[in-house]
Protein backbone atom coordinates (compact mmCIF):
# COMPACT_ATOMS: atom_id res chain seq x y z
CA MET A 1 -1.19 -8.24 -1.31
CA PRO A 2 2.46 -7.64 -0.69
CA LEU A 3 3.50 -4.45 -2.09
CA GLY A 4 5.81 -5.58 -5.56
CA THR A 5 2.85 -8.00 -6.64
CA ALA A 6 2.24 -7.49 -10.60
CA ILE A 7 -1.66 -6.10 -11.08
CA HIS A 8 -3.76 -5.41 -13.67
CA ASN A 9 -7.55 -4.14 -14.26
CA ILE A 10 -6.86 -1.55 -11.91
CA GLU A 11 -10.11 0.26 -10.77
CA ILE A 12 -9.57 4.32 -10.12
CA THR A 13 -12.99 5.29 -8.52
CA LEU A 14 -14.32 2.45 -6.43
CA GLY A 15 -17.42 0.77 -8.48
CA LYS A 16 -16.76 1.69 -11.26
CA GLY A 17 -14.66 -1.08 -12.42
CA GLY A 18 -11.13 -1.62 -13.89
CA GLN A 19 -9.55 1.18 -16.41
CA LEU A 20 -5.50 0.52 -15.92
CA ALA A 21 -3.42 -1.81 -17.78
CA ARG A 22 -6.24 -3.55 -19.65
CA ALA A 23 -4.21 -4.35 -22.79
CA ALA A 24 -2.96 -8.08 -23.67
CA GLY A 25 0.56 -8.96 -21.96
CA LEU A 26 0.25 -5.62 -19.85
CA TYR A 27 1.14 -5.68 -15.99
CA VAL A 28 1.62 -2.80 -13.64
CA CYS A 29 3.91 -2.96 -10.14
CA LEU A 30 1.74 -2.52 -7.16
CA ILE A 31 3.83 0.36 -5.09
CA SER A 32 1.05 1.67 -2.57
CA LYS A 33 -2.60 0.19 -1.68
CA ASN A 34 -5.00 2.76 -2.40
CA CYS A 35 -7.51 1.10 -5.36
CA SER A 36 -8.82 -2.39 -6.16
CA ALA A 37 -7.07 -4.75 -8.82
CA THR A 38 -6.75 -8.08 -9.80
CA VAL A 39 -3.47 -10.09 -9.73
CA GLY A 40 -1.17 -11.23 -12.21
CA GLN A 41 -0.56 -10.50 -15.92
CA VAL A 42 -3.17 -10.43 -19.31
CA GLY A 43 -3.19 -13.14 -20.78
CA ASN A 44 -2.10 -13.48 -24.89
CA VAL A 45 1.23 -12.10 -24.29
CA GLY A 46 2.13 -13.50 -27.98
CA VAL A 47 -0.34 -10.95 -29.65
CA ASN A 48 2.28 -9.04 -31.25
CA GLN A 49 4.44 -11.97 -32.17
CA LYS A 50 2.36 -13.49 -34.43
CA SER A 51 2.99 -13.23 -38.08
CA LEU A 52 -0.58 -12.32 -39.99
CA GLY A 53 1.35 -13.40 -43.85
CA ARG A 54 -0.29 -11.67 -46.09
CA ALA A 55 -1.95 -7.81 -46.62
CA GLY A 56 -5.93 -9.55 -46.46
CA SER A 57 -5.36 -11.02 -42.85
CA LYS A 58 -4.95 -7.45 -41.43
CA ARG A 59 -7.28 -5.98 -43.39
CA TRP A 60 -9.53 -8.61 -41.74
CA LEU A 61 -8.61 -7.22 -38.32
CA GLY A 62 -10.00 -3.64 -39.32
CA LYS A 63 -6.14 -2.16 -39.97
CA ARG A 64 -6.05 0.00 -43.02
CA PRO A 65 -2.61 0.76 -44.58
CA VAL A 66 -0.39 3.32 -42.97
CA VAL A 67 0.49 5.96 -46.03
CA ARG A 68 3.67 8.16 -45.40
CA GLY A 69 3.19 11.62 -44.85
CA VAL A 70 6.26 12.14 -47.57
CA VAL A 71 4.35 10.53 -50.45
CA MET A 72 0.98 12.86 -49.96
CA ASN A 73 0.23 16.06 -51.32
CA PRO A 74 0.39 19.27 -49.64
CA VAL A 75 -3.30 18.83 -49.14
CA ASP A 76 -3.26 16.00 -46.83
CA HIS A 77 0.16 16.27 -44.85
CA PRO A 78 2.24 18.83 -43.70
CA HIS A 79 5.47 16.49 -45.38
CA GLY A 80 3.86 16.36 -48.68
CA GLY A 81 4.56 17.75 -51.96
CA GLY A 82 8.23 19.44 -53.21
CA GLU A 83 9.49 17.71 -56.86
CA GLY A 84 10.99 13.83 -56.47
CA ARG A 85 11.74 12.35 -53.32
CA ALA A 86 12.00 15.71 -51.22
CA PRO A 87 12.79 15.91 -47.74
CA ILE A 88 10.45 16.93 -44.92
CA GLY A 89 11.60 20.61 -45.27
CA ARG A 90 10.79 21.39 -41.47
CA LYS A 91 13.12 21.20 -38.95
CA LYS A 92 10.89 18.77 -36.95
CA PRO A 93 8.41 15.82 -38.09
CA THR A 94 4.89 16.76 -37.55
CA THR A 95 1.86 14.58 -37.80
CA PRO A 96 -0.66 15.57 -40.35
CA TRP A 97 -2.20 18.18 -38.49
CA GLY A 98 0.65 19.70 -37.76
CA TYR A 99 1.77 18.61 -34.20
CA PRO A 100 5.49 17.95 -33.60
CA THR A 101 5.17 13.73 -33.73
CA LEU A 102 8.83 13.22 -31.86
CA GLY A 103 9.35 13.75 -28.25
CA ARG A 104 6.69 15.81 -27.26
CA ARG A 105 4.56 14.53 -24.14
CA SER A 106 0.91 14.24 -24.94
CA ARG A 107 -0.55 13.50 -21.43
CA LYS A 108 -2.92 16.26 -19.92
CA ARG A 109 -1.31 18.07 -16.95
CA ASN A 110 -4.00 18.23 -14.85
CA LYS A 111 -5.51 14.51 -15.64
CA TYR A 112 -7.60 13.36 -12.89
CA SER A 113 -5.54 10.42 -12.09
CA ASP A 114 -2.04 12.03 -11.63
CA ASN A 115 -2.12 11.54 -8.13
CA LEU A 116 -2.80 7.70 -8.87
CA ILE A 117 0.52 7.51 -10.61
CA LEU A 118 3.23 7.43 -8.61
CA ARG A 119 6.39 6.74 -10.36
CA ARG A 120 6.78 4.55 -14.18
CA CYS A 121 7.12 0.69 -13.59
CA SER A 122 10.78 -0.83 -15.06
CA LYS A 123 10.54 -3.89 -17.00
């Protein structure tokens, strides 16, 4: 395979099976040859551009309604409570469990597959 080839379904450990780049429409650029993978891009590229039409169609797929934290009570979310349409009331937005929402990196520092990721692939 020449370098720069679009690949998917990448194996991290030999014989374990593909683990990386398996979602619809996804592909990864080949930078170095140290694993086995499938050439090409995963199918069903336009999965996100399909209009479901109504709420029931989304429920059939197992997706539940998204409720904003601002409209909840303080016991349910850190953004909840207040009189009327109150702002968040904190310096930065948080998750329901109190962790920062925007800008914080969520990947573990010493993950076992860090040595396999050389750099981000630019689209």
